[in-house]
């Protein structure tokens, strides 16, 4: 009889244990969450690869004076919107793009040519807030086929003194370059 009681108790313990195990099947924990955020910023850059310093050893009155080397410029973009990239060059003070003491060369006498195109004066207005009135030149307008890309251009510069005479001196100035997306 003792075997019967022990067997019954063992059977009852097995049933109770199985019942407890079955009750845990399908039990779910709370849901924990992880917030994710990742940002990739848009980029628009202008780099001067060579020709950042331009020097003319001798200016000649009543002639076109070409700087001896091109300015090699790479413009790169990685954007999330926009249809055009413009590269604009400008002089901060158009009346005196280059100055020597109280004497100056206006920006309209300074001309630029991109990739051997026609020379044009820095005498236009700004584009998209880049540049100044009367002292700017759009060097290129790239219609975007892709929101990511780059281009490298050669900018030739000259001081056109046709019909002009300068007071002798060393004339210095700064040409600014900036890209803008429209």
N, C-alpha and C. Protein backbone atom coordinates (compact mmCIF):
# COMPACT_ATOMS: atom_id res chain seq x y z
N UNK A 1 0.80 -1.17 0.00
CA UNK A 1 0.00 0.00 0.00
C UNK A 1 0.86 1.25 0.00
N UNK A 2 1.90 1.10 0.67
CA UNK A 2 2.81 2.21 0.71
C UNK A 2 3.29 2.55 -0.70
N UNK A 3 3.49 1.58 -1.51
CA UNK A 3 3.91 1.81 -2.89
C UNK A 3 2.80 2.50 -3.67
N UNK A 4 1.60 2.14 -3.34
CA UNK A 4 0.48 2.78 -4.01
C UNK A 4 0.38 4.25 -3.63
N UNK A 5 0.55 4.55 -2.35
CA UNK A 5 0.47 5.94 -1.90
C UNK A 5 1.62 6.73 -2.50
N UNK A 6 2.82 6.18 -2.46
CA UNK A 6 3.97 6.88 -3.04
C UNK A 6 3.78 7.07 -4.54
N UNK A 7 3.25 6.07 -5.22
CA UNK A 7 2.99 6.16 -6.65
C UNK A 7 1.94 7.21 -6.95
N UNK A 8 0.90 7.27 -6.10
CA UNK A 8 -0.17 8.24 -6.30
C UNK A 8 0.37 9.65 -6.08
N UNK A 9 1.17 9.81 -5.04
CA UNK A 9 1.75 11.13 -4.78
C UNK A 9 2.67 11.55 -5.92
N UNK A 10 3.44 10.60 -6.40
CA UNK A 10 4.34 10.89 -7.51
C UNK A 10 3.54 11.27 -8.75
N UNK A 11 2.47 10.57 -9.01
CA UNK A 11 1.60 10.87 -10.15
C UNK A 11 0.96 12.24 -10.00
N UNK A 12 0.49 12.54 -8.76
CA UNK A 12 -0.12 13.84 -8.50
C UNK A 12 0.90 14.96 -8.68
N UNK A 13 2.13 14.78 -8.23
CA UNK A 13 3.19 15.78 -8.38
C UNK A 13 3.51 15.99 -9.86
N UNK A 14 3.50 14.90 -10.62
CA UNK A 14 3.78 15.01 -12.06
C UNK A 14 2.69 15.81 -12.76
N UNK A 15 1.43 15.53 -12.40
CA UNK A 15 0.30 16.25 -13.00
C UNK A 15 0.37 17.73 -12.64
N UNK A 16 0.67 18.04 -11.37
CA UNK A 16 0.76 19.43 -10.94
C UNK A 16 1.92 20.15 -11.63
N UNK A 17 3.04 19.49 -11.75
CA UNK A 17 4.20 20.09 -12.41
C UNK A 17 3.91 20.32 -13.88
N UNK A 18 3.28 19.37 -14.52
CA UNK A 18 2.94 19.51 -15.93
C UNK A 18 1.93 20.64 -16.11
N UNK A 19 1.02 20.76 -15.19
CA UNK A 19 0.02 21.83 -15.26
C UNK A 19 0.68 23.20 -15.14
N UNK A 20 1.66 23.31 -14.30
CA UNK A 20 2.38 24.56 -14.12
C UNK A 20 3.18 24.87 -15.37
N UNK A 21 3.86 23.91 -15.94
CA UNK A 21 4.65 24.10 -17.15
C UNK A 21 3.74 24.49 -18.30
N UNK A 22 2.61 23.84 -18.45
CA UNK A 22 1.69 24.17 -19.52
C UNK A 22 1.15 25.59 -19.37
N UNK A 23 0.98 26.06 -18.15
CA UNK A 23 0.45 27.39 -17.92
C UNK A 23 1.47 28.45 -18.33
N UNK A 24 2.79 28.15 -18.38
CA UNK A 24 3.82 29.11 -18.77
C UNK A 24 4.04 29.16 -20.27
N UNK A 25 3.62 28.23 -21.03
CA UNK A 25 3.77 28.25 -22.47
C UNK A 25 2.92 29.40 -23.02
N UNK A 26 3.52 30.27 -23.84
CA UNK A 26 2.81 31.40 -24.42
C UNK A 26 2.84 32.66 -23.56
N UNK A 27 3.45 32.60 -22.40
CA UNK A 27 3.57 33.77 -21.54
C UNK A 27 4.54 34.76 -22.19
N UNK A 28 4.15 36.03 -22.29
CA UNK A 28 4.97 37.04 -22.95
C UNK A 28 5.48 38.06 -21.94
N UNK A 29 6.69 38.58 -22.22
CA UNK A 29 7.24 39.65 -21.40
C UNK A 29 6.70 40.99 -21.89
N UNK A 30 7.10 42.06 -21.23
CA UNK A 30 6.81 43.40 -21.74
C UNK A 30 7.60 43.62 -23.02
N UNK A 31 7.24 44.63 -23.82
CA UNK A 31 7.98 44.99 -25.03
C UNK A 31 8.90 46.16 -24.71
N UNK A 32 10.18 45.97 -24.91
CA UNK A 32 11.16 47.03 -24.72
C UNK A 32 11.47 47.61 -26.10
N UNK A 33 11.71 48.91 -26.17
CA UNK A 33 11.99 49.54 -27.46
C UNK A 33 13.32 50.27 -27.44
N UNK A 34 13.90 50.41 -28.62
CA UNK A 34 15.14 51.17 -28.82
C UNK A 34 14.85 52.20 -29.90
N UNK A 35 15.02 53.47 -29.59
CA UNK A 35 14.83 54.53 -30.57
C UNK A 35 16.11 54.71 -31.37
N UNK A 36 15.98 54.76 -32.70
CA UNK A 36 17.14 54.92 -33.58
C UNK A 36 17.01 56.23 -34.34
N UNK A 37 18.11 56.90 -34.53
CA UNK A 37 18.15 58.12 -35.33
C UNK A 37 19.51 58.19 -35.99
N UNK A 38 19.52 58.53 -37.27
CA UNK A 38 20.78 58.68 -38.00
C UNK A 38 20.63 59.85 -38.95
N UNK A 39 21.64 60.70 -39.02
CA UNK A 39 21.58 61.89 -39.87
C UNK A 39 22.77 61.91 -40.81
N UNK A 40 22.48 62.17 -42.05
CA UNK A 40 23.53 62.43 -43.03
C UNK A 40 23.26 63.83 -43.54
N UNK A 41 24.18 64.72 -43.29
CA UNK A 41 24.01 66.12 -43.68
C UNK A 41 24.28 66.29 -45.18
N UNK A 42 23.58 67.22 -45.76
CA UNK A 42 23.87 67.59 -47.15
C UNK A 42 25.24 68.27 -47.18
N UNK A 43 25.89 68.17 -48.32
CA UNK A 43 27.22 68.78 -48.44
C UNK A 43 27.33 69.50 -49.78
N UNK A 44 27.97 70.65 -49.75
CA UNK A 44 28.26 71.43 -50.95
C UNK A 44 29.61 72.09 -50.70
N UNK A 45 30.61 71.72 -51.50
CA UNK A 45 31.97 72.21 -51.25
C UNK A 45 32.60 72.77 -52.52
N UNK A 46 33.50 73.71 -52.30
CA UNK A 46 34.33 74.26 -53.38
C UNK A 46 35.77 74.16 -52.92
N UNK A 47 36.61 73.55 -53.75
CA UNK A 47 38.03 73.40 -53.43
C UNK A 47 38.86 73.94 -54.58
N UNK A 48 39.86 74.74 -54.24
CA UNK A 48 40.82 75.21 -55.25
C UNK A 48 41.99 74.23 -55.23
N UNK A 49 42.15 73.51 -56.33
CA UNK A 49 43.19 72.49 -56.42
C UNK A 49 44.54 73.09 -56.78
N UNK A 50 44.54 74.11 -57.60
CA UNK A 50 45.78 74.80 -57.97
C UNK A 50 45.42 76.20 -58.48
N UNK A 51 46.39 77.08 -58.39
CA UNK A 51 46.19 78.43 -58.89
C UNK A 51 45.55 79.38 -57.90
N UNK A 52 45.61 79.07 -56.61
CA UNK A 52 44.97 79.91 -55.60
C UNK A 52 45.64 81.27 -55.46
N UNK A 53 46.85 81.39 -55.91
CA UNK A 53 47.54 82.69 -55.92
C UNK A 53 47.88 83.01 -57.37
N UNK A 54 47.40 84.15 -57.84
CA UNK A 54 47.63 84.58 -59.22
C UNK A 54 48.44 85.88 -59.19
N UNK A 55 49.46 85.96 -60.03
CA UNK A 55 50.32 87.14 -60.06
C UNK A 55 50.62 87.53 -61.50
N UNK A 56 50.43 88.80 -61.79
CA UNK A 56 50.86 89.38 -63.07
C UNK A 56 52.09 90.22 -62.78
N UNK A 57 53.20 89.91 -63.41
CA UNK A 57 54.44 90.64 -63.15
C UNK A 57 54.44 92.06 -63.66
N UNK A 58 53.69 92.30 -64.73
CA UNK A 58 53.67 93.65 -65.32
C UNK A 58 52.35 93.87 -66.03
N UNK A 59 51.62 94.88 -65.59
CA UNK A 59 50.39 95.27 -66.27
C UNK A 59 50.71 96.21 -67.42
N UNK A 60 50.01 96.04 -68.52
CA UNK A 60 50.20 96.91 -69.68
C UNK A 60 48.93 97.71 -69.90
N UNK A 61 49.05 99.05 -69.92
CA UNK A 61 47.91 99.91 -70.20
C UNK A 61 47.37 99.63 -71.60
N UNK A 62 46.08 99.88 -71.77
CA UNK A 62 45.40 99.76 -73.05
C UNK A 62 45.60 98.39 -73.69
N UNK A 63 45.58 97.32 -72.86
CA UNK A 63 45.75 95.96 -73.36
C UNK A 63 45.04 94.98 -72.42
N UNK A 64 44.83 93.79 -72.94
CA UNK A 64 44.28 92.70 -72.12
C UNK A 64 45.46 91.99 -71.46
N UNK A 65 45.41 91.87 -70.13
CA UNK A 65 46.50 91.26 -69.36
C UNK A 65 46.01 89.95 -68.76
N UNK A 66 46.49 88.83 -69.31
CA UNK A 66 46.06 87.50 -68.86
C UNK A 66 46.96 87.00 -67.73
N UNK A 67 46.34 86.48 -66.70
CA UNK A 67 47.12 85.82 -65.65
C UNK A 67 47.71 84.55 -66.25
N UNK A 68 48.92 84.15 -65.80
CA UNK A 68 49.66 83.09 -66.48
C UNK A 68 49.12 81.67 -66.32
N UNK A 69 48.31 81.40 -65.30
CA UNK A 69 47.83 80.03 -65.11
C UNK A 69 46.35 80.03 -64.73
N UNK A 70 45.74 78.89 -64.95
CA UNK A 70 44.32 78.73 -64.61
C UNK A 70 44.16 78.44 -63.12
N UNK A 71 42.98 78.76 -62.61
CA UNK A 71 42.59 78.34 -61.26
C UNK A 71 41.78 77.06 -61.46
N UNK A 72 42.27 75.95 -60.91
CA UNK A 72 41.58 74.67 -61.05
C UNK A 72 40.67 74.48 -59.82
N UNK A 73 39.37 74.34 -60.08
CA UNK A 73 38.36 74.34 -59.01
C UNK A 73 37.51 73.07 -59.11
N UNK A 74 37.31 72.40 -57.97
CA UNK A 74 36.39 71.27 -57.90
C UNK A 74 35.21 71.66 -57.02
N UNK A 75 34.02 71.50 -57.57
CA UNK A 75 32.78 71.74 -56.84
C UNK A 75 32.11 70.38 -56.67
N UNK A 76 31.74 70.03 -55.44
CA UNK A 76 31.12 68.74 -55.16
C UNK A 76 29.84 68.94 -54.37
N UNK A 77 28.86 68.06 -54.59
CA UNK A 77 27.59 68.18 -53.88
C UNK A 77 27.03 66.80 -53.56
N UNK A 78 26.35 66.72 -52.44
CA UNK A 78 25.59 65.55 -52.00
C UNK A 78 24.36 66.14 -51.31
N UNK A 79 23.26 66.21 -52.04
CA UNK A 79 22.10 67.00 -51.62
C UNK A 79 20.86 66.14 -51.40
N UNK A 80 19.88 66.72 -50.72
CA UNK A 80 18.59 66.05 -50.58
C UNK A 80 17.51 66.75 -51.40
N UNK A 81 17.83 67.90 -51.99
CA UNK A 81 16.88 68.63 -52.82
C UNK A 81 17.64 69.65 -53.66
N UNK A 82 16.98 70.15 -54.67
CA UNK A 82 17.56 71.18 -55.52
C UNK A 82 17.55 70.74 -56.97
N UNK A 83 17.59 71.72 -57.87
CA UNK A 83 17.59 71.41 -59.30
C UNK A 83 18.83 71.93 -60.00
N UNK A 84 19.53 72.90 -59.39
CA UNK A 84 20.71 73.49 -60.01
C UNK A 84 21.76 73.81 -58.96
N UNK A 85 23.03 73.65 -59.35
CA UNK A 85 24.15 74.13 -58.55
C UNK A 85 24.82 75.23 -59.36
N UNK A 86 25.04 76.37 -58.71
CA UNK A 86 25.71 77.50 -59.33
C UNK A 86 27.04 77.72 -58.62
N UNK A 87 28.07 78.08 -59.39
CA UNK A 87 29.32 78.55 -58.81
C UNK A 87 29.43 80.03 -59.17
N UNK A 88 29.57 80.85 -58.13
CA UNK A 88 29.60 82.30 -58.31
C UNK A 88 30.95 82.83 -57.81
N UNK A 89 31.54 83.71 -58.60
CA UNK A 89 32.74 84.43 -58.19
C UNK A 89 32.37 85.89 -58.01
N UNK A 90 32.96 86.53 -57.00
CA UNK A 90 32.64 87.95 -56.78
C UNK A 90 33.74 88.66 -56.01
N UNK A 91 33.74 89.97 -56.18
CA UNK A 91 34.61 90.86 -55.42
C UNK A 91 33.72 91.62 -54.45
N UNK A 92 34.15 91.72 -53.21
CA UNK A 92 33.32 92.33 -52.15
C UNK A 92 33.00 93.79 -52.44
N UNK A 93 33.94 94.51 -53.02
CA UNK A 93 33.74 95.93 -53.33
C UNK A 93 33.99 96.11 -54.83
N UNK A 94 32.94 96.08 -55.63
CA UNK A 94 33.13 96.14 -57.09
C UNK A 94 33.91 97.35 -57.58
N UNK A 95 33.80 98.50 -56.94
CA UNK A 95 34.51 99.69 -57.39
C UNK A 95 36.02 99.56 -57.23
N UNK A 96 36.45 98.69 -56.34
CA UNK A 96 37.89 98.49 -56.13
C UNK A 96 38.18 97.01 -55.88
N UNK A 97 38.04 96.22 -56.95
CA UNK A 97 38.33 94.79 -56.87
C UNK A 97 39.79 94.55 -56.51
N UNK A 98 40.66 95.33 -57.11
CA UNK A 98 42.08 95.33 -56.77
C UNK A 98 42.45 96.78 -56.48
N UNK A 99 43.28 96.99 -55.47
CA UNK A 99 43.63 98.36 -55.08
C UNK A 99 45.12 98.48 -54.80
N UNK A 100 45.61 99.67 -55.04
CA UNK A 100 46.99 100.05 -54.73
C UNK A 100 46.91 101.44 -54.13
N UNK A 101 46.97 101.51 -52.82
CA UNK A 101 46.79 102.80 -52.15
C UNK A 101 45.41 103.33 -52.46
N UNK A 102 45.32 104.54 -52.96
CA UNK A 102 44.03 105.14 -53.31
C UNK A 102 43.60 104.85 -54.74
N UNK A 103 44.35 104.07 -55.47
CA UNK A 103 44.03 103.74 -56.86
C UNK A 103 43.42 102.34 -56.91
N UNK A 104 42.53 102.13 -57.89
CA UNK A 104 41.87 100.81 -57.92
C UNK A 104 41.53 100.36 -59.32
N UNK A 105 41.30 99.07 -59.42
CA UNK A 105 40.82 98.42 -60.64
C UNK A 105 39.41 97.90 -60.29
N UNK A 106 38.39 98.37 -60.99
CA UNK A 106 37.04 97.89 -60.70
C UNK A 106 36.83 96.45 -61.19
N UNK A 107 35.86 95.79 -60.60
CA UNK A 107 35.59 94.40 -60.96
C UNK A 107 35.16 94.26 -62.42
N UNK A 108 34.61 95.31 -63.02
CA UNK A 108 34.19 95.24 -64.42
C UNK A 108 35.38 95.13 -65.37
N UNK A 109 36.59 95.45 -64.91
CA UNK A 109 37.80 95.29 -65.72
C UNK A 109 38.42 93.91 -65.54
N UNK A 110 37.93 93.15 -64.54
CA UNK A 110 38.43 91.80 -64.30
C UNK A 110 37.47 90.84 -64.97
N UNK A 111 38.03 89.93 -65.75
CA UNK A 111 37.18 88.99 -66.50
C UNK A 111 37.60 87.56 -66.23
N UNK A 112 36.62 86.66 -66.33
CA UNK A 112 36.87 85.24 -66.13
C UNK A 112 36.35 84.42 -67.29
N UNK A 113 37.03 83.32 -67.55
CA UNK A 113 36.65 82.37 -68.59
C UNK A 113 36.70 80.97 -67.99
N UNK A 114 35.60 80.23 -68.09
CA UNK A 114 35.54 78.87 -67.55
C UNK A 114 35.74 77.88 -68.70
N UNK A 115 36.72 77.01 -68.53
CA UNK A 115 37.00 75.93 -69.49
C UNK A 115 37.15 76.46 -70.92
N UNK A 116 37.91 77.53 -71.07
CA UNK A 116 38.25 78.14 -72.37
C UNK A 116 37.05 78.78 -73.07
N UNK A 117 36.02 79.09 -72.33
CA UNK A 117 34.87 79.80 -72.91
C UNK A 117 35.18 81.28 -73.04
N UNK A 118 34.16 82.05 -73.35
CA UNK A 118 34.31 83.50 -73.51
C UNK A 118 34.66 84.15 -72.16
N UNK A 119 35.43 85.23 -72.23
CA UNK A 119 35.74 86.01 -71.03
C UNK A 119 34.57 86.95 -70.75
N UNK A 120 34.14 86.98 -69.48
CA UNK A 120 33.06 87.85 -69.05
C UNK A 120 33.49 88.60 -67.80
N UNK A 121 32.99 89.83 -67.67
CA UNK A 121 33.37 90.69 -66.55
C UNK A 121 32.63 90.30 -65.27
N UNK A 122 33.28 90.56 -64.16
CA UNK A 122 32.66 90.38 -62.84
C UNK A 122 31.84 91.64 -62.56
N UNK A 123 30.71 91.76 -63.24
CA UNK A 123 29.90 92.97 -63.14
C UNK A 123 28.40 92.67 -62.99
N UNK A 124 28.07 91.43 -62.68
CA UNK A 124 26.67 91.03 -62.56
C UNK A 124 26.23 91.03 -61.10
N UNK A 125 25.00 90.61 -60.87
CA UNK A 125 24.45 90.54 -59.52
C UNK A 125 24.61 89.18 -58.90
N UNK A 126 24.19 89.07 -57.64
CA UNK A 126 24.30 87.80 -56.92
C UNK A 126 23.32 86.75 -57.43
N UNK A 127 23.58 85.51 -57.08
CA UNK A 127 22.70 84.38 -57.38
C UNK A 127 22.37 83.69 -56.06
N UNK A 128 21.11 83.61 -55.74
CA UNK A 128 20.71 82.93 -54.50
C UNK A 128 21.35 83.52 -53.26
N UNK A 129 21.59 84.81 -53.27
CA UNK A 129 22.21 85.47 -52.11
C UNK A 129 23.73 85.39 -52.09
N UNK A 130 24.33 84.81 -53.12
CA UNK A 130 25.80 84.70 -53.18
C UNK A 130 26.33 85.74 -54.16
N UNK A 131 27.25 86.56 -53.68
CA UNK A 131 27.84 87.60 -54.50
C UNK A 131 27.31 88.96 -54.12
N UNK A 132 27.72 89.98 -54.89
CA UNK A 132 27.29 91.36 -54.64
C UNK A 132 26.85 91.98 -55.97
N UNK A 133 25.97 92.95 -55.87
CA UNK A 133 25.51 93.65 -57.06
C UNK A 133 26.67 94.36 -57.74
N UNK A 134 26.80 94.14 -59.04
CA UNK A 134 27.82 94.81 -59.82
C UNK A 134 29.21 94.24 -59.69
N UNK A 135 29.39 93.16 -58.94
CA UNK A 135 30.74 92.61 -58.75
C UNK A 135 30.80 91.10 -58.85
N UNK A 136 29.77 90.47 -59.43
CA UNK A 136 29.68 89.01 -59.45
C UNK A 136 29.68 88.45 -60.86
N UNK A 137 30.03 87.19 -60.96
CA UNK A 137 29.97 86.46 -62.23
C UNK A 137 29.59 85.01 -61.93
N UNK A 138 28.54 84.53 -62.58
CA UNK A 138 28.18 83.11 -62.46
C UNK A 138 29.15 82.33 -63.34
N UNK A 139 29.93 81.48 -62.71
CA UNK A 139 30.94 80.71 -63.44
C UNK A 139 30.35 79.48 -64.09
N UNK A 140 29.37 78.84 -63.42
CA UNK A 140 28.60 77.78 -64.07
C UNK A 140 27.26 77.63 -63.40
N UNK A 141 26.34 77.03 -64.15
CA UNK A 141 25.02 76.64 -63.67
C UNK A 141 24.84 75.19 -64.08
N UNK A 142 24.98 74.28 -63.14
CA UNK A 142 24.87 72.84 -63.41
C UNK A 142 23.45 72.38 -63.10
N UNK A 143 22.74 71.95 -64.15
CA UNK A 143 21.42 71.36 -63.96
C UNK A 143 21.64 69.96 -63.42
N UNK A 144 21.03 69.66 -62.28
CA UNK A 144 21.31 68.40 -61.60
C UNK A 144 20.58 67.22 -62.23
N UNK A 145 21.36 66.27 -62.74
CA UNK A 145 20.82 65.00 -63.19
C UNK A 145 20.75 64.05 -62.00
N UNK A 146 21.59 64.32 -61.00
CA UNK A 146 21.67 63.51 -59.79
C UNK A 146 21.92 64.46 -58.62
N UNK A 147 21.41 64.10 -57.46
CA UNK A 147 21.62 64.94 -56.27
C UNK A 147 23.01 64.76 -55.67
N UNK A 148 23.82 63.89 -56.27
CA UNK A 148 25.18 63.68 -55.81
C UNK A 148 26.11 63.75 -57.02
N UNK A 149 27.16 64.56 -56.91
CA UNK A 149 28.09 64.64 -58.04
C UNK A 149 29.18 65.66 -57.79
N UNK A 150 29.99 65.88 -58.81
CA UNK A 150 31.06 66.87 -58.73
C UNK A 150 31.48 67.26 -60.13
N UNK A 151 32.19 68.35 -60.20
CA UNK A 151 32.78 68.77 -61.47
C UNK A 151 34.05 69.57 -61.17
N UNK A 152 34.99 69.49 -62.09
CA UNK A 152 36.24 70.22 -61.97
C UNK A 152 36.37 71.14 -63.18
N UNK A 153 36.67 72.40 -62.92
CA UNK A 153 36.73 73.42 -63.97
C UNK A 153 38.03 74.20 -63.88
N UNK A 154 38.43 74.77 -65.01
CA UNK A 154 39.56 75.69 -65.06
C UNK A 154 39.02 77.10 -65.28
N UNK A 155 39.41 78.01 -64.39
CA UNK A 155 39.02 79.40 -64.50
C UNK A 155 40.24 80.21 -64.89
N UNK A 156 40.17 80.84 -66.08
CA UNK A 156 41.22 81.74 -66.52
C UNK A 156 40.78 83.16 -66.19
N UNK A 157 41.73 83.98 -65.74
CA UNK A 157 41.44 85.35 -65.33
C UNK A 157 42.27 86.34 -66.13
N UNK A 158 41.72 87.52 -66.32
CA UNK A 158 42.45 88.58 -66.99
C UNK A 158 42.00 89.93 -66.45
N UNK A 159 42.87 90.91 -66.60
CA UNK A 159 42.52 92.30 -66.32
C UNK A 159 42.54 93.00 -67.67
N UNK A 160 41.38 93.47 -68.07
CA UNK A 160 41.24 94.09 -69.38
C UNK A 160 41.37 95.61 -69.23
N UNK A 161 42.52 96.12 -69.65
CA UNK A 161 42.79 97.56 -69.57
C UNK A 161 42.64 98.24 -70.93
N UNK A 162 41.88 97.60 -71.84
CA UNK A 162 41.66 98.21 -73.14
C UNK A 162 41.00 99.58 -72.94
N UNK A 163 41.65 100.62 -73.44
CA UNK A 163 41.14 101.98 -73.28
C UNK A 163 41.38 102.57 -71.90
N UNK A 164 42.20 101.91 -71.09
CA UNK A 164 42.45 102.36 -69.70
C UNK A 164 43.94 102.53 -69.46
N UNK A 165 44.26 103.40 -68.52
CA UNK A 165 45.65 103.59 -68.07
C UNK A 165 45.63 103.61 -66.54
N UNK A 166 46.55 102.88 -65.95
CA UNK A 166 46.62 102.80 -64.48
C UNK A 166 47.78 103.62 -63.94
N UNK A 167 47.62 104.11 -62.73
CA UNK A 167 48.72 104.71 -61.99
C UNK A 167 49.63 103.54 -61.57
N UNK A 168 50.95 103.67 -61.72
CA UNK A 168 51.83 102.58 -61.31
C UNK A 168 51.62 102.20 -59.83
N UNK A 169 51.73 100.93 -59.55
CA UNK A 169 51.57 100.41 -58.19
C UNK A 169 51.35 98.91 -58.21
N UNK A 170 51.33 98.32 -57.04
CA UNK A 170 51.02 96.90 -56.90
C UNK A 170 49.57 96.79 -56.46
N UNK A 171 48.73 96.28 -57.33
CA UNK A 171 47.30 96.17 -57.09
C UNK A 171 46.98 94.77 -56.56
N UNK A 172 46.29 94.72 -55.44
CA UNK A 172 45.93 93.43 -54.85
C UNK A 172 44.44 93.39 -54.54
N UNK A 173 43.89 92.19 -54.56
CA UNK A 173 42.47 92.00 -54.26
C UNK A 173 42.18 90.52 -54.04
N UNK A 174 40.94 90.24 -53.69
CA UNK A 174 40.52 88.86 -53.40
C UNK A 174 39.27 88.52 -54.19
N UNK A 175 39.35 87.46 -54.95
CA UNK A 175 38.20 86.91 -55.66
C UNK A 175 37.61 85.82 -54.77
N UNK A 176 36.33 85.96 -54.44
CA UNK A 176 35.62 84.96 -53.63
C UNK A 176 34.89 83.98 -54.54
N UNK A 177 34.86 82.72 -54.16
CA UNK A 177 34.15 81.67 -54.89
C UNK A 177 33.22 80.94 -53.93
N UNK A 178 31.96 80.76 -54.34
CA UNK A 178 31.01 80.02 -53.50
C UNK A 178 29.96 79.36 -54.38
N UNK A 179 29.59 78.15 -54.02
CA UNK A 179 28.52 77.44 -54.72
C UNK A 179 27.22 77.62 -53.96
N UNK A 180 26.12 77.59 -54.70
CA UNK A 180 24.79 77.71 -54.10
C UNK A 180 23.84 76.77 -54.86
N UNK A 181 22.90 76.19 -54.12
CA UNK A 181 21.90 75.31 -54.71
C UNK A 181 20.60 76.07 -54.84
N UNK A 182 19.95 75.95 -55.96
CA UNK A 182 18.65 76.57 -56.20
C UNK A 182 17.65 75.51 -56.58
